[in-house]
Amino acid sequence: MKTKITLLLSVVFVITLQAQKKEFKGLEALQMLQKTVCNTLEEGKPVYGMWEGRMYSRIEGEKDKNIFNVVGINVRQCDCVEDDIKGQGFRSVGREIMMYLDPETNEILDTWENPWTGETVEVLHVANDPVSLRSYIYEKDDKGEDRATFSFRQYGDVAVTSYEYPLFYNNPLGGEYQNAVGGKYHAMEIFNTYYSTEELTNPKIRDLKTSSISWSRIAQWLPWMNMGGKQGIMVVNSTGESVLDKDKIWPRIQKILEERYPLYMNPPAKDDKRENETSWTVYKKYMAEKAKMEKTDKE
């Protein structure tokens, strides 16, 4: 009997610890989703999402190494539309930077001595423009039925969303036969975000004052590292926050933007239709431009 009571109490205790899952559809879901993406229901209001963390190498048979620290910012805004059938919709347009830092001094690295190859390489910091939603998200489908969905886990007064994005697609630096011989880009991004439940769910509250994030990434070596086919992956773990007040941009990031990336102080135009950039597409363009300049110098 004592065992049964203990087991029952354990089950009850576990149940009380579980989060309440909240699910929504239609306009209610769309508005909450827009708040999580852009921190506001207002069109054209910039939001500044910042993060800081560490990047590790993981190679079979070796101890994991903290090869870089990172700090970054994504600057975006929402473009809002309305359709006679699909109702309200939105799309975010943004651009972002992320700097690779010395893990001991936190100074920006513009060159890096590869500990595996001994080669000193130029560091190509993340400067992706744009990084936007590819299409609009609407509250309804083409038949006028609720389409938008949104859910979160509630822990007391805190609403938590959790997303995993497995990435597996043709690598821009690879050839035409990646399905046959391999070489596809393979990674995963993991986002856990935290909000005030009241701010998120109350339609009368248009701005989120509180928005924190945990972002992790499991990915292949960066192309500028010149690792070739060496076995291994990188793991990034970071935390951050999003703010609507430009004056609340972290001083370190503010300085980087002013000195290196002034364009990234503001998001792209709401009607920006350019293809998204990644570290791989930027590297490809960078190397092509570098080769062009070297050829011109020789001529």
Protein backbone atom coordinates (compact mmCIF):
# COMPACT_ATOMS: atom_id res chain seq x y z
CA MET A 1 0.00 0.00 0.00
CA LYS A 2 2.85 2.37 0.92
CA THR A 3 4.43 1.77 -2.49
CA LYS A 4 1.15 2.54 -4.28
CA ILE A 5 0.67 5.78 -2.32
CA THR A 6 4.24 6.86 -3.04
CA LEU A 7 3.77 6.11 -6.74
CA LEU A 8 0.49 8.03 -6.82
CA LEU A 9 2.04 11.04 -5.12
CA SER A 10 4.93 10.93 -7.59
CA VAL A 11 2.54 10.94 -10.54
CA VAL A 12 0.56 13.86 -9.08
CA PHE A 13 3.80 15.77 -8.46
CA VAL A 14 4.95 15.26 -12.06
CA ILE A 15 1.58 16.36 -13.43
CA THR A 16 1.65 19.57 -11.39
CA LEU A 17 5.08 20.38 -12.81
CA GLN A 18 3.93 20.04 -16.40
CA ALA A 19 3.24 23.22 -18.32
CA GLN A 20 -0.19 24.16 -19.52
CA LYS A 21 -0.22 23.99 -23.31
CA LYS A 22 -2.24 26.78 -24.90
CA GLU A 23 -3.40 26.52 -28.52
CA PHE A 24 -4.98 29.15 -30.76
CA LYS A 25 -6.27 29.51 -34.33
CA GLY A 26 -7.19 32.24 -36.79
CA LEU A 27 -6.77 35.94 -36.06
CA GLU A 28 -5.96 35.37 -32.38
CA ALA A 29 -3.13 33.02 -33.37
CA LEU A 30 -1.86 35.35 -36.09
CA GLN A 31 -1.61 38.32 -33.75
CA MET A 32 0.33 36.33 -31.15
CA LEU A 33 2.62 34.98 -33.84
CA GLN A 34 3.28 38.48 -35.13
CA LYS A 35 4.12 39.63 -31.61
CA THR A 36 6.66 36.83 -31.25
CA VAL A 37 8.28 37.67 -34.59
CA CYS A 38 8.24 41.47 -34.44
CA ASN A 39 7.47 42.25 -30.77
CA THR A 40 4.60 44.46 -31.92
CA LEU A 41 1.37 44.56 -33.89
CA GLU A 42 2.40 47.88 -35.43
CA GLU A 43 3.52 47.86 -39.04
CA GLY A 44 6.98 49.20 -39.80
CA LYS A 45 8.19 49.43 -36.20
CA PRO A 46 11.79 48.13 -35.96
CA VAL A 47 12.70 45.47 -33.42
CA TYR A 48 16.26 44.70 -32.34
CA GLY A 49 16.97 41.07 -31.46
CA MET A 50 20.36 40.57 -29.79
CA TRP A 51 22.25 37.50 -28.58
CA GLU A 52 25.58 36.44 -27.11
CA GLY A 53 27.11 33.03 -26.54
CA ARG A 54 29.81 30.49 -27.28
CA MET A 55 30.73 28.31 -30.25
CA TYR A 56 32.34 24.91 -29.74
CA SER A 57 34.02 22.43 -32.02
CA ARG A 58 33.08 18.77 -31.69
CA ILE A 59 35.39 16.21 -33.29
CA GLU A 60 35.21 12.51 -32.57
CA GLY A 61 38.02 11.49 -30.22
CA GLU A 62 38.78 15.08 -29.14
CA LYS A 63 37.66 17.22 -26.23
CA ASP A 64 35.18 19.91 -27.28
CA LYS A 65 36.88 23.30 -27.73
CA ASN A 66 35.41 26.77 -27.21
CA ILE A 67 36.79 28.16 -30.47
CA PHE A 68 34.78 31.41 -30.58
CA ASN A 69 32.47 33.56 -28.55
CA VAL A 70 29.73 35.27 -30.55
CA VAL A 71 27.60 38.39 -30.33
CA GLY A 72 24.97 39.44 -32.84
CA ILE A 73 21.87 41.42 -33.71
CA ASN A 74 18.92 40.96 -36.05
CA VAL A 75 17.09 44.15 -37.06
CA ARG A 76 13.65 43.61 -38.58
CA GLN A 77 10.19 45.06 -39.09
CA CYS A 78 6.80 43.66 -40.07
CA ASP A 79 4.90 44.46 -43.23
CA CYS A 80 1.16 44.02 -42.65
CA VAL A 81 -1.41 43.28 -45.37
CA GLU A 82 -5.09 42.43 -45.61
CA ASP A 83 -6.80 40.15 -48.11
CA ASP A 84 -10.55 39.93 -48.82
CA ILE A 85 -10.50 36.14 -48.32
CA LYS A 86 -7.38 35.36 -46.29
CA GLY A 87 -7.85 38.24 -43.87
CA GLN A 88 -4.92 39.82 -42.06
CA GLY A 89 -1.35 38.79 -42.77
CA PHE A 90 2.22 39.82 -42.07
CA ARG A 91 5.79 39.23 -43.18
CA SER A 92 9.02 40.22 -41.45
CA VAL A 93 11.93 41.78 -43.32
CA GLY A 94 15.32 42.03 -41.66
CA ARG A 95 19.09 41.81 -41.77
CA GLU A 96 21.60 40.57 -39.22
CA ILE A 97 25.22 40.46 -38.16
CA MET A 98 27.13 38.12 -35.86
CA MET A 99 30.72 38.65 -34.81
CA TYR A 100 33.24 35.93 -33.99
CA LEU A 101 35.20 36.81 -30.86
CA ASP A 102 38.33 35.54 -29.16
CA PRO A 103 37.03 33.13 -26.47
CA GLU A 104 39.47 34.48 -23.87
CA THR A 105 39.51 38.23 -24.52
CA ASN A 106 36.15 38.70 -26.32
CA GLU A 107 37.95 40.88 -28.86
CA ILE A 108 36.70 40.77 -32.46
CA LEU A 109 38.72 38.36 -34.60
CA ASP A 110 39.50 39.50 -38.14
CA THR A 111 42.02 36.70 -38.63
CA TRP A 112 42.09 33.28 -37.01
CA GLU A 113 44.80 30.66 -36.68
CA ASN A 114 43.17 27.32 -37.41
CA PRO A 115 44.40 24.95 -34.65
CA TRP A 116 43.88 21.88 -36.85
CA THR A 117 45.52 23.06 -40.07
CA GLY A 118 47.92 25.71 -38.74
CA GLU A 119 46.68 28.10 -41.42
CA THR A 120 45.85 31.71 -40.58
CA VAL A 121 42.60 32.61 -42.33
CA GLU A 122 40.53 35.74 -42.77
CA VAL A 123 37.40 35.73 -40.61
CA LEU A 124 34.20 36.43 -42.50
CA HIS A 125 31.73 37.66 -39.89
CA VAL A 126 28.03 37.08 -40.45
CA ALA A 127 26.52 40.00 -42.37
CA ASN A 128 23.39 38.60 -43.99
CA ASP A 129 21.12 41.01 -45.83
CA PRO A 130 18.28 40.20 -46.04
CA VAL A 131 17.05 37.61 -43.55
CA SER A 132 13.28 37.70 -44.02
CA LEU A 133 10.18 35.56 -44.08
CA ARG A 134 9.86 34.27 -47.64
CA SER A 135 6.09 34.74 -47.77
CA TYR A 136 3.21 36.30 -45.85
CA ILE A 137 1.48 34.44 -43.04
CA TYR A 138 -2.32 34.85 -43.12
CA GLU A 139 -5.06 34.19 -40.61
CA LYS A 140 -7.17 32.27 -43.17
CA ASP A 141 -6.61 30.04 -46.21
CA ASP A 142 -7.82 30.52 -49.80
CA LYS A 143 -11.28 29.28 -48.77
CA GLY A 144 -11.62 31.76 -45.94
CA GLU A 145 -11.17 29.17 -43.20
CA ASP A 146 -8.89 29.63 -40.20
CA ARG A 147 -5.33 28.72 -41.14
CA ALA A 148 -2.97 30.41 -38.69
CA THR A 149 -2.12 28.34 -35.62
CA PHE A 150 -0.07 29.19 -32.56
CA SER A 151 0.73 27.45 -29.30
CA PHE A 152 2.93 27.93 -26.27
CA ARG A 153 3.66 26.32 -22.92
CA GLN A 154 2.68 28.33 -19.87
CA TYR A 155 4.79 28.22 -16.71
CA GLY A 156 3.11 30.55 -14.23
CA ASP A 157 3.19 34.02 -15.79
CA VAL A 158 5.71 33.00 -18.46
CA ALA A 159 4.76 31.85 -21.97
CA VAL A 160 7.39 29.72 -23.72
CA THR A 161 7.64 28.76 -27.39
CA SER A 162 10.04 26.06 -28.55
CA TYR A 163 11.01 25.35 -32.16
CA GLU A 164 13.52 23.06 -33.83
CA TYR A 165 14.42 23.65 -37.47
CA PRO A 166 16.25 20.74 -39.15
CA LEU A 167 18.07 22.12 -42.22
CA PHE A 168 19.06 19.87 -45.10
CA TYR A 169 19.40 21.37 -48.57
CA ASN A 170 21.79 21.86 -51.47
CA ASN A 171 24.93 23.68 -50.35
CA PRO A 172 25.49 26.83 -52.46
CA LEU A 173 29.20 25.94 -52.52
CA GLY A 174 28.55 22.39 -53.76
CA GLY A 175 28.09 21.02 -57.24
CA GLU A 176 25.12 19.84 -59.27
CA TYR A 177 25.20 16.23 -58.05
CA GLN A 178 24.80 16.56 -54.28
CA ASN A 179 21.95 14.03 -54.25
CA ALA A 180 24.32 11.50 -55.77
CA VAL A 181 27.65 12.17 -54.08
CA GLY A 182 26.70 14.12 -50.94
CA GLY A 183 27.80 17.54 -49.78
CA LYS A 184 24.41 18.95 -48.79
CA TYR A 185 24.20 21.59 -46.09
CA HIS A 186 23.11 19.89 -42.85
CA ALA A 187 22.34 21.77 -39.64
CA MET A 188 19.74 22.35 -36.94
CA GLU A 189 18.63 25.56 -35.24
CA ILE A 190 16.84 25.47 -31.88
CA PHE A 191 14.89 28.44 -30.51
CA ASN A 192 13.29 28.76 -27.07
CA THR A 193 11.63 32.12 -26.44
CA TYR A 194 10.09 33.56 -23.29
CA TYR A 195 7.31 36.15 -22.95
CA SER A 196 4.91 37.62 -20.45
CA THR A 197 1.72 35.59 -20.91
CA GLU A 198 -0.40 38.71 -20.37
CA GLU A 199 1.53 40.76 -22.93
CA LEU A 200 1.43 37.97 -25.49
CA THR A 201 -2.24 36.98 -25.20
CA ASN A 202 -3.95 40.31 -24.53
CA PRO A 203 -4.96 41.81 -27.92
CA LYS A 204 -5.17 45.27 -26.33
CA ILE A 205 -1.43 45.14 -25.59
CA ARG A 206 0.23 45.85 -28.93
CA ASP A 207 3.90 45.78 -27.87
CA LEU A 208 5.91 43.17 -26.00
CA LYS A 209 8.04 44.73 -23.28
CA THR A 210 9.52 41.37 -22.33
CA SER A 211 11.03 38.99 -24.89
CA SER A 212 14.00 36.73 -24.15
CA ILE A 213 15.54 33.97 -26.25
CA SER A 214 17.78 30.94 -26.12
CA TRP A 215 19.28 30.03 -29.51
CA SER A 216 21.38 26.96 -30.29
CA ARG A 217 22.82 25.77 -33.57
CA ILE A 218 24.42 22.51 -34.65
CA ALA A 219 26.16 22.94 -37.98
CA GLN A 220 29.05 22.15 -40.28
CA TRP A 221 32.33 24.04 -40.29
CA LEU A 222 32.13 27.57 -41.65
CA PRO A 223 33.53 27.84 -45.19
CA TRP A 224 36.13 30.50 -44.34
CA MET A 225 37.69 28.13 -41.78
CA ASN A 226 39.09 26.07 -44.68
CA MET A 227 38.45 22.80 -42.86
CA GLY A 228 37.87 20.89 -46.08
CA GLY A 229 36.44 17.46 -45.39
CA LYS A 230 37.65 17.20 -41.77
CA GLN A 231 35.19 15.28 -39.64
CA GLY A 232 33.36 17.35 -37.04
CA ILE A 233 30.64 19.89 -36.30
CA MET A 234 30.16 23.18 -34.47
CA VAL A 235 27.73 23.80 -31.62
CA VAL A 236 26.53 27.30 -30.73
CA ASN A 237 24.73 28.09 -27.48
CA SER A 238 23.48 31.62 -26.85
CA THR A 239 20.93 33.76 -25.03
CA GLY A 240 19.53 37.18 -25.75
CA GLU A 241 16.58 39.54 -25.88
CA SER A 242 14.52 41.62 -28.29
CA VAL A 243 13.74 45.30 -27.71
CA LEU A 244 11.75 47.97 -29.53
CA ASP A 245 13.73 50.88 -28.08
CA LYS A 246 16.84 51.66 -30.16
CA ASP A 247 18.47 53.17 -27.07
CA LYS A 248 18.40 49.73 -25.43
CA ILE A 249 20.73 48.15 -28.00
CA TRP A 250 23.67 46.72 -26.06
CA PRO A 251 26.62 49.18 -26.05
CA ARG A 252 29.01 46.59 -27.53
CA ILE A 253 26.68 45.94 -30.45
CA GLN A 254 25.93 49.65 -30.89
CA LYS A 255 29.67 50.29 -31.27
CA ILE A 256 30.05 47.47 -33.82
CA LEU A 257 27.13 48.79 -35.87
CA GLU A 258 28.45 52.34 -35.88
CA GLU A 259 32.03 51.37 -36.78
CA ARG A 260 31.52 48.42 -39.12
CA TYR A 261 27.92 47.93 -40.22
CA PRO A 262 25.95 51.22 -40.17
CA LEU A 263 23.49 49.82 -42.74
CA TYR A 264 22.39 47.25 -40.17
CA MET A 265 21.11 49.89 -37.77
CA ASN A 266 17.83 49.74 -39.70
CA PRO A 267 15.81 46.96 -41.37
CA PRO A 268 15.34 46.70 -45.14
CA ALA A 269 12.31 48.32 -46.76
CA LYS A 270 8.99 46.57 -46.12
CA ASP A 271 8.61 45.72 -49.82
CA ASP A 272 12.11 44.17 -50.08
CA LYS A 273 11.84 41.11 -52.36
CA ARG A 274 15.49 39.99 -52.46
CA GLU A 275 16.49 36.39 -51.82
CA ASN A 276 17.73 35.64 -48.31
CA GLU A 277 21.46 35.49 -47.70
CA THR A 278 23.36 32.94 -45.60
CA SER A 279 26.99 32.59 -44.55
CA TRP A 280 27.44 30.25 -47.53
CA THR A 281 25.91 32.51 -50.20
CA VAL A 282 27.80 35.52 -48.81
CA TYR A 283 31.06 33.56 -48.83
CA LYS A 284 30.48 32.47 -52.43
CA LYS A 285 29.92 36.07 -53.56
CA TYR A 286 32.88 37.26 -51.51
CA MET A 287 35.24 34.73 -53.08
CA ALA A 288 33.96 35.51 -56.57
CA GLU A 289 34.56 39.23 -56.02
CA LYS A 290 37.99 38.52 -54.54
CA ALA A 291 38.98 36.43 -57.57
CA LYS A 292 37.72 39.18 -59.88
CA MET A 293 39.82 41.80 -58.10
CA GLU A 294 42.92 39.59 -58.16
CA LYS A 295 42.45 39.06 -61.89
CA THR A 296 42.10 42.82 -62.44
CA ASP A 297 45.27 43.48 -60.44
CA LYS A 298 47.23 41.03 -62.60
CA GLU A 299 46.01 42.69 -65.78
